Amino acid sequence: MDTNANSAPPQKPWALWAALTLVGLGAIALVYVLLIASGKPETQQGLSRFAQGEMARLYVEEAPPPMPTRTLRDAAGNETTLTAYQGQVVVLNLWATWCAPCMEEMPSLAVLQRNFEGRIAVVPISVDSEGERAKAISDLQRLSGGSLPFLQDMTRGVLFDAQAAGMPVTIIYNRQGQEVARLAGGANWGSEDASRVIEAVLAEE
């Protein structure tokens, strides 16, 4: 009599282990994908998510310096400081008449001020020397159509205070006087890209 006729086929342990391994690898892959997906929003948090188009060079410092407090001179020769803008969103621009990109972007900063009149303060600070003071005042008046105030730091110490690597540099401060973003190099501040950044700061996002 054939005793093997009704017996079950021999089991294959290796097939079971292979199946379990595939399931395990699939689970690991799924967890990895979920982790990557959940991590993406973090890299886009804050104002850095607006770093595109005209604002492509916008970035957020990990440990930004405080707003400069040194004494400045206005067009009339009076001394003042940035505390005059306390409680406002401030767009600080460091420039000079001998900086071509500074001069090129200045009209767009004036447009930004006009677009957000009464809501923000666009504040250019000239680091021109005493000998260039009259030219700086005249150039700012011409380039901004009188929309921007003239402030000057002839010592150029404000560049060190703001940790500016070069010019132009534009630094955005929230209503608490804290730096929230900066952009090194020229940009079109009259663009929709710039407006989105400012609206986000005003909304305290």
N, C-alpha and C. Protein backbone atom coordinates (compact mmCIF):
# COMPACT_ATOMS: atom_id res chain seq x y z
N MET A 1 0.86 -1.20 0.00
CA MET A 1 0.00 0.00 0.00
C MET A 1 0.89 1.25 0.00
N ASP A 2 0.48 2.27 -0.81
CA ASP A 2 1.28 3.50 -0.89
C ASP A 2 0.91 4.42 0.27
N THR A 3 1.79 4.51 1.22
CA THR A 3 1.50 5.33 2.42
C THR A 3 1.66 6.82 2.16
N ASN A 4 2.26 7.19 1.01
CA ASN A 4 2.51 8.62 0.72
C ASN A 4 1.41 9.25 -0.12
N ALA A 5 0.40 8.46 -0.52
CA ALA A 5 -0.62 8.96 -1.44
C ALA A 5 -1.40 10.13 -0.85
N ASN A 6 -1.75 10.08 0.43
CA ASN A 6 -2.57 11.13 1.06
C ASN A 6 -1.77 12.05 1.98
N SER A 7 -0.46 11.92 1.95
CA SER A 7 0.36 12.76 2.84
C SER A 7 0.49 14.17 2.26
N ALA A 8 0.64 15.22 3.18
CA ALA A 8 0.78 16.63 2.75
C ALA A 8 2.13 16.85 2.12
N PRO A 9 2.23 17.79 1.18
CA PRO A 9 3.52 18.07 0.55
C PRO A 9 4.49 18.63 1.58
N PRO A 10 5.72 18.37 1.41
CA PRO A 10 6.73 18.85 2.38
C PRO A 10 6.74 20.38 2.45
N GLN A 11 6.86 20.92 3.66
CA GLN A 11 6.89 22.37 3.85
C GLN A 11 8.25 22.93 3.43
N LYS A 12 8.23 24.20 3.01
CA LYS A 12 9.47 24.85 2.58
C LYS A 12 9.71 26.06 3.48
N PRO A 13 10.47 25.89 4.54
CA PRO A 13 10.70 26.99 5.49
C PRO A 13 11.27 28.24 4.84
N TRP A 14 12.13 28.02 3.82
CA TRP A 14 12.77 29.19 3.21
C TRP A 14 11.76 30.12 2.54
N ALA A 15 10.67 29.52 2.01
CA ALA A 15 9.63 30.33 1.36
C ALA A 15 8.91 31.20 2.38
N LEU A 16 8.68 30.62 3.56
CA LEU A 16 8.01 31.38 4.62
C LEU A 16 8.88 32.54 5.09
N TRP A 17 10.17 32.25 5.27
CA TRP A 17 11.09 33.31 5.71
C TRP A 17 11.21 34.40 4.65
N ALA A 18 11.21 34.02 3.39
CA ALA A 18 11.30 35.01 2.32
C ALA A 18 10.08 35.93 2.34
N ALA A 19 8.91 35.33 2.55
CA ALA A 19 7.69 36.13 2.58
C ALA A 19 7.70 37.10 3.76
N LEU A 20 8.14 36.60 4.93
CA LEU A 20 8.20 37.46 6.11
C LEU A 20 9.21 38.59 5.91
N THR A 21 10.32 38.27 5.26
CA THR A 21 11.34 39.29 4.99
C THR A 21 10.80 40.38 4.09
N LEU A 22 10.08 40.00 3.05
CA LEU A 22 9.49 40.98 2.14
C LEU A 22 8.50 41.88 2.86
N VAL A 23 7.69 41.27 3.73
CA VAL A 23 6.73 42.06 4.51
C VAL A 23 7.45 43.06 5.40
N GLY A 24 8.54 42.57 6.05
CA GLY A 24 9.31 43.45 6.93
C GLY A 24 9.94 44.60 6.18
N LEU A 25 10.51 44.30 5.00
CA LEU A 25 11.13 45.36 4.19
C LEU A 25 10.08 46.37 3.73
N GLY A 26 8.91 45.86 3.39
CA GLY A 26 7.83 46.76 2.97
C GLY A 26 7.42 47.69 4.09
N ALA A 27 7.36 47.15 5.32
CA ALA A 27 6.98 47.99 6.47
C ALA A 27 8.03 49.06 6.73
N ILE A 28 9.30 48.66 6.62
CA ILE A 28 10.40 49.63 6.83
C ILE A 28 10.33 50.74 5.79
N ALA A 29 10.10 50.36 4.54
CA ALA A 29 10.00 51.34 3.46
C ALA A 29 8.86 52.31 3.70
N LEU A 30 7.73 51.77 4.19
CA LEU A 30 6.57 52.61 4.46
C LEU A 30 6.87 53.62 5.55
N VAL A 31 7.52 53.14 6.63
CA VAL A 31 7.87 54.03 7.74
C VAL A 31 8.82 55.12 7.26
N TYR A 32 9.78 54.74 6.40
CA TYR A 32 10.76 55.70 5.88
C TYR A 32 10.06 56.79 5.07
N VAL A 33 9.15 56.37 4.19
CA VAL A 33 8.42 57.34 3.38
C VAL A 33 7.60 58.29 4.25
N LEU A 34 6.95 57.73 5.28
CA LEU A 34 6.16 58.57 6.17
C LEU A 34 7.02 59.57 6.92
N LEU A 35 8.21 59.12 7.34
CA LEU A 35 9.12 60.01 8.06
C LEU A 35 9.60 61.13 7.16
N ILE A 36 9.94 60.80 5.92
CA ILE A 36 10.39 61.82 4.98
C ILE A 36 9.27 62.82 4.70
N ALA A 37 8.07 62.29 4.51
CA ALA A 37 6.93 63.17 4.22
C ALA A 37 6.64 64.10 5.38
N SER A 38 6.74 63.55 6.60
CA SER A 38 6.45 64.38 7.77
C SER A 38 7.57 65.38 8.02
N GLY A 39 8.77 65.08 7.53
CA GLY A 39 9.88 65.99 7.73
C GLY A 39 9.89 67.15 6.77
N LYS A 40 9.26 67.03 5.62
CA LYS A 40 9.30 68.08 4.62
C LYS A 40 8.71 69.39 5.09
N PRO A 41 7.55 69.39 5.75
CA PRO A 41 7.01 70.67 6.18
C PRO A 41 7.94 71.43 7.09
N GLU A 42 8.74 70.74 7.91
CA GLU A 42 9.64 71.43 8.83
C GLU A 42 10.65 72.25 8.08
N THR A 43 11.16 71.73 6.94
CA THR A 43 12.16 72.46 6.18
C THR A 43 11.54 73.68 5.51
N GLN A 44 10.23 73.72 5.43
CA GLN A 44 9.57 74.83 4.78
C GLN A 44 8.87 75.75 5.78
N GLN A 45 9.13 75.56 7.06
CA GLN A 45 8.49 76.38 8.06
C GLN A 45 9.09 77.78 8.06
N GLY A 46 8.33 78.73 8.59
CA GLY A 46 8.83 80.08 8.70
C GLY A 46 8.91 80.76 7.35
N LEU A 47 9.58 81.91 7.33
CA LEU A 47 9.65 82.71 6.11
C LEU A 47 10.52 82.09 5.03
N SER A 48 11.31 81.09 5.37
CA SER A 48 12.15 80.46 4.36
C SER A 48 11.33 79.82 3.24
N ARG A 49 10.07 79.56 3.51
CA ARG A 49 9.22 78.97 2.47
C ARG A 49 8.90 79.96 1.35
N PHE A 50 9.19 81.24 1.60
CA PHE A 50 8.97 82.26 0.57
C PHE A 50 10.23 82.53 -0.26
N ALA A 51 11.28 81.75 -0.04
CA ALA A 51 12.53 81.94 -0.76
C ALA A 51 12.42 81.42 -2.19
N GLN A 52 11.75 82.18 -3.03
CA GLN A 52 11.55 81.82 -4.42
C GLN A 52 11.32 83.08 -5.23
N GLY A 53 11.47 82.97 -6.54
CA GLY A 53 11.27 84.13 -7.39
C GLY A 53 12.20 85.27 -7.02
N GLU A 54 11.64 86.46 -6.87
CA GLU A 54 12.44 87.63 -6.51
C GLU A 54 13.03 87.52 -5.11
N MET A 55 12.47 86.66 -4.29
CA MET A 55 12.95 86.47 -2.93
C MET A 55 13.78 85.19 -2.80
N ALA A 56 14.35 84.72 -3.88
CA ALA A 56 15.08 83.45 -3.88
C ALA A 56 16.24 83.44 -2.88
N ARG A 57 16.83 84.61 -2.61
CA ARG A 57 17.97 84.67 -1.69
C ARG A 57 17.55 84.97 -0.25
N LEU A 58 16.27 84.96 0.02
CA LEU A 58 15.79 85.19 1.38
C LEU A 58 16.19 84.02 2.28
N TYR A 59 16.70 84.31 3.46
CA TYR A 59 17.02 83.23 4.39
C TYR A 59 16.83 83.69 5.84
N VAL A 60 16.72 82.70 6.70
CA VAL A 60 16.49 82.95 8.12
C VAL A 60 17.72 82.54 8.91
N GLU A 61 18.29 83.49 9.65
CA GLU A 61 19.47 83.22 10.47
C GLU A 61 19.08 82.35 11.67
N GLU A 62 19.92 81.37 12.00
CA GLU A 62 19.65 80.54 13.17
C GLU A 62 19.76 81.34 14.45
N ALA A 63 20.73 82.24 14.51
CA ALA A 63 20.91 83.08 15.70
C ALA A 63 21.15 84.51 15.23
N PRO A 64 20.09 85.20 14.81
CA PRO A 64 20.26 86.56 14.27
C PRO A 64 20.71 87.55 15.33
N PRO A 65 21.50 88.54 14.91
CA PRO A 65 21.92 89.59 15.86
C PRO A 65 20.74 90.49 16.19
N PRO A 66 20.82 91.20 17.30
CA PRO A 66 19.73 92.14 17.64
C PRO A 66 19.71 93.32 16.67
N MET A 67 18.61 94.01 16.66
CA MET A 67 18.50 95.21 15.83
C MET A 67 19.56 96.23 16.27
N PRO A 68 20.27 96.84 15.32
CA PRO A 68 21.30 97.82 15.69
C PRO A 68 20.73 98.96 16.54
N THR A 69 21.52 99.40 17.49
CA THR A 69 21.06 100.47 18.39
C THR A 69 21.92 101.73 18.29
N ARG A 70 22.93 101.71 17.43
CA ARG A 70 23.84 102.86 17.38
C ARG A 70 23.13 104.11 16.86
N THR A 71 23.73 105.24 17.15
CA THR A 71 23.16 106.54 16.77
C THR A 71 23.33 106.78 15.28
N LEU A 72 22.26 107.29 14.67
CA LEU A 72 22.24 107.60 13.25
C LEU A 72 21.94 109.09 13.07
N ARG A 73 22.23 109.60 11.87
CA ARG A 73 21.92 111.00 11.56
C ARG A 73 20.91 111.06 10.44
N ASP A 74 19.88 111.90 10.61
CA ASP A 74 18.90 112.03 9.54
C ASP A 74 19.34 113.13 8.57
N ALA A 75 18.49 113.43 7.60
CA ALA A 75 18.85 114.39 6.55
C ALA A 75 19.10 115.79 7.09
N ALA A 76 18.45 116.11 8.22
CA ALA A 76 18.62 117.44 8.82
C ALA A 76 19.82 117.49 9.76
N GLY A 77 20.48 116.35 9.95
CA GLY A 77 21.63 116.30 10.84
C GLY A 77 21.28 115.93 12.26
N ASN A 78 20.01 115.65 12.53
CA ASN A 78 19.60 115.28 13.87
C ASN A 78 19.97 113.83 14.17
N GLU A 79 20.26 113.56 15.44
CA GLU A 79 20.59 112.19 15.84
C GLU A 79 19.32 111.42 16.19
N THR A 80 19.34 110.15 15.84
CA THR A 80 18.20 109.29 16.13
C THR A 80 18.69 107.84 16.19
N THR A 81 17.80 106.94 16.53
CA THR A 81 18.11 105.51 16.53
C THR A 81 16.91 104.76 15.97
N LEU A 82 17.08 103.47 15.76
CA LEU A 82 15.99 102.66 15.22
C LEU A 82 14.87 102.43 16.24
N THR A 83 15.08 102.85 17.48
CA THR A 83 14.01 102.73 18.47
C THR A 83 12.84 103.65 18.10
N ALA A 84 13.08 104.59 17.19
CA ALA A 84 12.01 105.46 16.73
C ALA A 84 10.93 104.67 16.00
N TYR A 85 11.27 103.45 15.57
CA TYR A 85 10.32 102.61 14.83
C TYR A 85 9.81 101.46 15.69
N GLN A 86 9.97 101.61 16.99
CA GLN A 86 9.54 100.55 17.91
C GLN A 86 8.06 100.21 17.73
N GLY A 87 7.76 98.92 17.70
CA GLY A 87 6.38 98.47 17.55
C GLY A 87 5.93 98.31 16.11
N GLN A 88 6.82 98.63 15.15
CA GLN A 88 6.49 98.50 13.74
C GLN A 88 7.29 97.36 13.10
N VAL A 89 6.75 96.83 12.03
CA VAL A 89 7.54 95.92 11.19
C VAL A 89 8.51 96.81 10.41
N VAL A 90 9.79 96.51 10.52
CA VAL A 90 10.84 97.33 9.90
C VAL A 90 11.55 96.53 8.82
N VAL A 91 11.68 97.15 7.65
CA VAL A 91 12.48 96.58 6.57
C VAL A 91 13.72 97.47 6.46
N LEU A 92 14.82 97.00 7.04
CA LEU A 92 16.06 97.78 7.12
C LEU A 92 16.94 97.47 5.92
N ASN A 93 17.39 98.50 5.24
CA ASN A 93 18.24 98.32 4.06
C ASN A 93 19.55 99.07 4.27
N LEU A 94 20.66 98.37 4.12
CA LEU A 94 21.99 98.98 4.25
C LEU A 94 22.53 99.22 2.85
N TRP A 95 22.90 100.48 2.56
CA TRP A 95 23.26 100.84 1.20
C TRP A 95 24.32 101.94 1.17
N ALA A 96 24.81 102.23 -0.03
CA ALA A 96 25.75 103.32 -0.25
C ALA A 96 25.66 103.74 -1.71
N THR A 97 26.03 104.98 -1.99
CA THR A 97 25.93 105.48 -3.36
C THR A 97 26.91 104.78 -4.30
N TRP A 98 28.01 104.26 -3.75
CA TRP A 98 29.00 103.58 -4.60
C TRP A 98 28.68 102.11 -4.80
N CYS A 99 27.56 101.64 -4.29
CA CYS A 99 27.11 100.25 -4.43
C CYS A 99 26.04 100.20 -5.52
N ALA A 100 26.43 99.76 -6.71
CA ALA A 100 25.50 99.75 -7.86
C ALA A 100 24.23 98.94 -7.60
N PRO A 101 24.33 97.72 -7.05
CA PRO A 101 23.09 96.97 -6.78
C PRO A 101 22.19 97.67 -5.77
N CYS A 102 22.79 98.41 -4.84
CA CYS A 102 22.00 99.18 -3.86
C CYS A 102 21.14 100.21 -4.57
N MET A 103 21.79 100.94 -5.48
CA MET A 103 21.08 101.99 -6.20
C MET A 103 20.00 101.40 -7.09
N GLU A 104 20.28 100.25 -7.66
CA GLU A 104 19.34 99.62 -8.59
C GLU A 104 18.06 99.17 -7.89
N GLU A 105 18.18 98.65 -6.67
CA GLU A 105 16.99 98.14 -5.99
C GLU A 105 16.23 99.19 -5.19
N MET A 106 16.84 100.37 -4.98
CA MET A 106 16.20 101.38 -4.13
C MET A 106 14.81 101.78 -4.59
N PRO A 107 14.56 102.00 -5.90
CA PRO A 107 13.18 102.36 -6.30
C PRO A 107 12.15 101.30 -5.90
N SER A 108 12.54 100.02 -5.92
CA SER A 108 11.59 98.97 -5.56
C SER A 108 11.31 98.98 -4.06
N LEU A 109 12.28 99.39 -3.26
CA LEU A 109 12.04 99.54 -1.82
C LEU A 109 11.04 100.66 -1.57
N ALA A 110 11.11 101.70 -2.40
CA ALA A 110 10.14 102.79 -2.29
C ALA A 110 8.74 102.29 -2.65
N VAL A 111 8.67 101.42 -3.66
CA VAL A 111 7.39 100.84 -4.04
C VAL A 111 6.82 100.02 -2.88
N LEU A 112 7.70 99.24 -2.23
CA LEU A 112 7.28 98.44 -1.08
C LEU A 112 6.69 99.33 0.00
N GLN A 113 7.35 100.45 0.28
CA GLN A 113 6.84 101.37 1.30
C GLN A 113 5.47 101.91 0.92
N ARG A 114 5.33 102.29 -0.34
CA ARG A 114 4.04 102.83 -0.77
C ARG A 114 2.94 101.76 -0.75
N ASN A 115 3.31 100.54 -1.10
CA ASN A 115 2.33 99.44 -1.10
C ASN A 115 1.83 99.13 0.31
N PHE A 116 2.69 99.35 1.30
CA PHE A 116 2.34 99.02 2.69
C PHE A 116 2.36 100.28 3.57
N GLU A 117 2.02 101.39 2.99
CA GLU A 117 2.03 102.67 3.72
C GLU A 117 1.20 102.56 5.00
N GLY A 118 1.81 102.98 6.12
CA GLY A 118 1.11 102.94 7.39
C GLY A 118 1.15 101.59 8.08
N ARG A 119 1.70 100.58 7.40
CA ARG A 119 1.74 99.23 7.98
C ARG A 119 3.16 98.78 8.29
N ILE A 120 4.14 99.28 7.55
CA ILE A 120 5.53 98.94 7.79
C ILE A 120 6.38 100.20 7.66
N ALA A 121 7.64 100.09 8.06
CA ALA A 121 8.60 101.19 7.87
C ALA A 121 9.80 100.64 7.11
N VAL A 122 9.98 101.13 5.88
CA VAL A 122 11.17 100.78 5.11
C VAL A 122 12.22 101.82 5.46
N VAL A 123 13.34 101.36 6.01
CA VAL A 123 14.34 102.27 6.55
C VAL A 123 15.71 102.01 5.92
N PRO A 124 16.11 102.81 4.94
CA PRO A 124 17.46 102.68 4.38
C PRO A 124 18.47 103.40 5.27
N ILE A 125 19.62 102.78 5.48
CA ILE A 125 20.70 103.44 6.22
C ILE A 125 21.91 103.52 5.30
N SER A 126 22.31 104.74 5.01
CA SER A 126 23.48 104.97 4.16
C SER A 126 24.75 104.85 5.00
N VAL A 127 25.75 104.19 4.41
CA VAL A 127 27.06 104.11 5.07
C VAL A 127 28.08 104.94 4.30
N ASP A 128 27.59 105.93 3.55
CA ASP A 128 28.47 106.83 2.82
C ASP A 128 29.26 107.71 3.79
N SER A 129 30.37 108.21 3.31
CA SER A 129 31.21 109.08 4.12
C SER A 129 30.60 110.48 4.20
N GLU A 130 31.19 111.33 5.03
CA GLU A 130 30.71 112.71 5.18
C GLU A 130 30.78 113.44 3.84
N GLY A 131 31.83 113.17 3.07
CA GLY A 131 31.99 113.83 1.78
C GLY A 131 30.92 113.46 0.76
N GLU A 132 30.30 112.30 0.95
CA GLU A 132 29.26 111.84 0.03
C GLU A 132 27.86 112.06 0.59
N ARG A 133 27.77 112.72 1.72
CA ARG A 133 26.47 112.88 2.39
C ARG A 133 25.44 113.59 1.50
N ALA A 134 25.83 114.71 0.94
CA ALA A 134 24.89 115.47 0.11
C ALA A 134 24.43 114.65 -1.10
N LYS A 135 25.35 113.93 -1.70
CA LYS A 135 25.00 113.08 -2.85
C LYS A 135 24.05 111.97 -2.43
N ALA A 136 24.31 111.38 -1.26
CA ALA A 136 23.46 110.29 -0.77
C ALA A 136 22.04 110.78 -0.52
N ILE A 137 21.91 111.96 0.08
CA ILE A 137 20.58 112.53 0.34
C ILE A 137 19.86 112.78 -0.98
N SER A 138 20.57 113.37 -1.94
CA SER A 138 19.97 113.68 -3.23
C SER A 138 19.57 112.42 -3.99
N ASP A 139 20.46 111.42 -3.99
CA ASP A 139 20.19 110.17 -4.71
C ASP A 139 18.99 109.44 -4.12
N LEU A 140 18.91 109.39 -2.79
CA LEU A 140 17.79 108.70 -2.16
C LEU A 140 16.47 109.41 -2.49
N GLN A 141 16.49 110.72 -2.46
CA GLN A 141 15.30 111.50 -2.80
C GLN A 141 14.86 111.19 -4.23
N ARG A 142 15.83 111.14 -5.13
CA ARG A 142 15.53 110.90 -6.55
C ARG A 142 15.05 109.48 -6.78
N LEU A 143 15.73 108.51 -6.20
CA LEU A 143 15.42 107.10 -6.45
C LEU A 143 14.12 106.65 -5.78
N SER A 144 13.79 107.26 -4.67
CA SER A 144 12.60 106.84 -3.91
C SER A 144 11.40 107.76 -4.12
N GLY A 145 11.61 108.85 -4.85
CA GLY A 145 10.52 109.79 -5.02
C GLY A 145 10.08 110.41 -3.71
N GLY A 146 10.99 110.48 -2.76
CA GLY A 146 10.68 111.08 -1.45
C GLY A 146 9.92 110.16 -0.53
N SER A 147 9.82 108.88 -0.90
CA SER A 147 9.03 107.94 -0.08
C SER A 147 9.80 107.38 1.11
N LEU A 148 11.13 107.49 1.09
CA LEU A 148 11.93 106.85 2.12
C LEU A 148 12.72 107.87 2.93
N PRO A 149 12.87 107.64 4.23
CA PRO A 149 13.63 108.56 5.07
C PRO A 149 15.13 108.38 4.86
N PHE A 150 15.88 109.44 5.09
CA PHE A 150 17.34 109.34 4.99
C PHE A 150 17.94 109.19 6.37
N LEU A 151 18.72 108.13 6.55
CA LEU A 151 19.50 107.92 7.77
C LEU A 151 20.90 107.54 7.37
N GLN A 152 21.87 107.91 8.18
CA GLN A 152 23.27 107.68 7.81
C GLN A 152 24.09 107.24 9.02
N ASP A 153 25.01 106.32 8.74
CA ASP A 153 26.01 105.92 9.73
C ASP A 153 27.37 105.99 9.06
N MET A 154 28.04 107.11 9.25
CA MET A 154 29.32 107.32 8.57
C MET A 154 30.42 106.41 9.10
N THR A 155 30.23 105.86 10.31
CA THR A 155 31.24 104.97 10.87
C THR A 155 31.18 103.58 10.22
N ARG A 156 30.08 103.28 9.57
CA ARG A 156 29.83 101.97 8.96
C ARG A 156 29.75 100.85 10.00
N GLY A 157 29.68 101.24 11.25
CA GLY A 157 29.57 100.24 12.32
C GLY A 157 28.29 99.44 12.26
N VAL A 158 27.26 100.03 11.66
CA VAL A 158 25.99 99.32 11.55
C VAL A 158 26.13 98.04 10.74
N LEU A 159 27.09 98.02 9.83
CA LEU A 159 27.34 96.79 9.05
C LEU A 159 27.80 95.66 9.96
N PHE A 160 28.62 96.00 10.95
CA PHE A 160 29.09 94.99 11.90
C PHE A 160 27.98 94.61 12.88
N ASP A 161 27.22 95.62 13.31
CA ASP A 161 26.11 95.35 14.23
C ASP A 161 25.14 94.34 13.62
N ALA A 162 24.86 94.53 12.33
CA ALA A 162 23.88 93.69 11.64
C ALA A 162 24.52 92.42 11.08
N GLN A 163 25.84 92.30 11.24
CA GLN A 163 26.58 91.15 10.71
C GLN A 163 26.32 91.00 9.21
N ALA A 164 26.41 92.13 8.52
CA ALA A 164 26.22 92.14 7.08
C ALA A 164 27.52 91.79 6.38
N ALA A 165 27.49 90.76 5.56
CA ALA A 165 28.69 90.32 4.85
C ALA A 165 29.02 91.23 3.68
N GLY A 166 28.06 91.98 3.22
CA GLY A 166 28.25 92.89 2.09
C GLY A 166 27.02 93.74 1.91
N MET A 167 26.94 94.41 0.77
CA MET A 167 25.78 95.26 0.48
C MET A 167 25.36 95.02 -0.96
N PRO A 168 24.09 95.26 -1.24
CA PRO A 168 23.06 95.62 -0.26
C PRO A 168 22.63 94.42 0.56
N VAL A 169 22.14 94.68 1.73
CA VAL A 169 21.50 93.65 2.54
C VAL A 169 20.23 94.26 3.12
N THR A 170 19.16 93.51 3.09
CA THR A 170 17.88 93.98 3.62
C THR A 170 17.43 93.03 4.71
N ILE A 171 17.16 93.58 5.88
CA ILE A 171 16.80 92.77 7.05
C ILE A 171 15.39 93.13 7.50
N ILE A 172 14.58 92.11 7.73
CA ILE A 172 13.19 92.33 8.15
C ILE A 172 13.06 92.03 9.64
N TYR A 173 12.49 92.99 10.37
CA TYR A 173 12.26 92.83 11.81
C TYR A 173 10.76 92.83 12.08
N ASN A 174 10.34 91.99 13.02
CA ASN A 174 8.92 91.97 13.40
C ASN A 174 8.63 93.12 14.36
N ARG A 175 7.40 93.17 14.83
CA ARG A 175 6.99 94.28 15.70
C ARG A 175 7.74 94.29 17.03
N GLN A 176 8.30 93.15 17.41
CA GLN A 176 9.07 93.07 18.66
C GLN A 176 10.54 93.44 18.46
N GLY A 177 10.89 93.84 17.24
CA GLY A 177 12.26 94.23 16.95
C GLY A 177 13.20 93.06 16.75
N GLN A 178 12.64 91.89 16.47
CA GLN A 178 13.45 90.69 16.25
C GLN A 178 13.61 90.42 14.75
N GLU A 179 14.82 90.11 14.36
CA GLU A 179 15.04 89.77 12.96
C GLU A 179 14.34 88.45 12.61
N VAL A 180 13.57 88.48 11.52
CA VAL A 180 12.86 87.26 11.10
C VAL A 180 13.37 86.72 9.78
N ALA A 181 14.05 87.56 9.00
CA ALA A 181 14.61 87.11 7.72
C ALA A 181 15.52 88.20 7.17
N ARG A 182 16.39 87.81 6.24
CA ARG A 182 17.23 88.78 5.56
C ARG A 182 17.50 88.33 4.14
N LEU A 183 17.88 89.28 3.31
CA LEU A 183 18.20 88.98 1.92
C LEU A 183 19.44 89.76 1.54
N ALA A 184 20.48 89.05 1.15
CA ALA A 184 21.73 89.68 0.73
C ALA A 184 21.73 89.79 -0.79
N GLY A 185 22.09 90.97 -1.29
CA GLY A 185 22.05 91.20 -2.73
C GLY A 185 20.78 91.92 -3.10
N GLY A 186 20.75 92.45 -4.29
CA GLY A 186 19.58 93.20 -4.73
C GLY A 186 18.39 92.33 -5.01
N ALA A 187 17.20 92.93 -4.96
CA ALA A 187 15.96 92.21 -5.25
C ALA A 187 14.90 93.23 -5.65
N ASN A 188 13.83 92.74 -6.24
CA ASN A 188 12.71 93.60 -6.58
C ASN A 188 11.70 93.56 -5.44
N TRP A 189 11.78 94.55 -4.58
CA TRP A 189 10.92 94.59 -3.39
C TRP A 189 9.52 95.08 -3.71
N GLY A 190 9.28 95.46 -4.94
CA GLY A 190 7.95 95.84 -5.35
C GLY A 190 7.17 94.68 -5.94
N SER A 191 7.76 93.50 -5.93
CA SER A 191 7.16 92.31 -6.54
C SER A 191 6.13 91.66 -5.62
N GLU A 192 5.32 90.78 -6.22
CA GLU A 192 4.35 90.01 -5.44
C GLU A 192 5.06 89.06 -4.48
N ASP A 193 6.23 88.56 -4.88
CA ASP A 193 7.00 87.68 -4.00
C ASP A 193 7.35 88.40 -2.71
N ALA A 194 7.78 89.65 -2.82
CA ALA A 194 8.12 90.44 -1.63
C ALA A 194 6.89 90.74 -0.80
N SER A 195 5.78 91.03 -1.45
CA SER A 195 4.55 91.34 -0.73
C SER A 195 4.08 90.17 0.11
N ARG A 196 4.26 88.95 -0.42
CA ARG A 196 3.86 87.76 0.34
C ARG A 196 4.68 87.62 1.61
N VAL A 197 5.96 87.93 1.52
CA VAL A 197 6.82 87.87 2.71
C VAL A 197 6.35 88.87 3.76
N ILE A 198 6.11 90.10 3.34
CA ILE A 198 5.70 91.14 4.28
C ILE A 198 4.34 90.85 4.89
N GLU A 199 3.42 90.35 4.09
CA GLU A 199 2.11 89.99 4.62
C GLU A 199 2.23 88.91 5.69
N ALA A 200 3.14 87.96 5.49
CA ALA A 200 3.35 86.90 6.47
C ALA A 200 3.91 87.47 7.77
N VAL A 201 4.81 88.43 7.67
CA VAL A 201 5.37 89.04 8.87
C VAL A 201 4.30 89.84 9.61
N LEU A 202 3.50 90.55 8.86
CA LEU A 202 2.42 91.34 9.47
C LEU A 202 1.41 90.43 10.16
N ALA A 203 1.20 89.25 9.58
CA ALA A 203 0.27 88.30 10.18
C ALA A 203 0.90 87.53 11.32
N GLU A 204 2.20 87.78 11.56
CA GLU A 204 2.97 87.11 12.60
C GLU A 204 2.90 85.60 12.45
N GLU A 205 3.05 85.12 11.23
CA GLU A 205 3.07 83.68 10.97
C GLU A 205 4.40 83.10 11.43
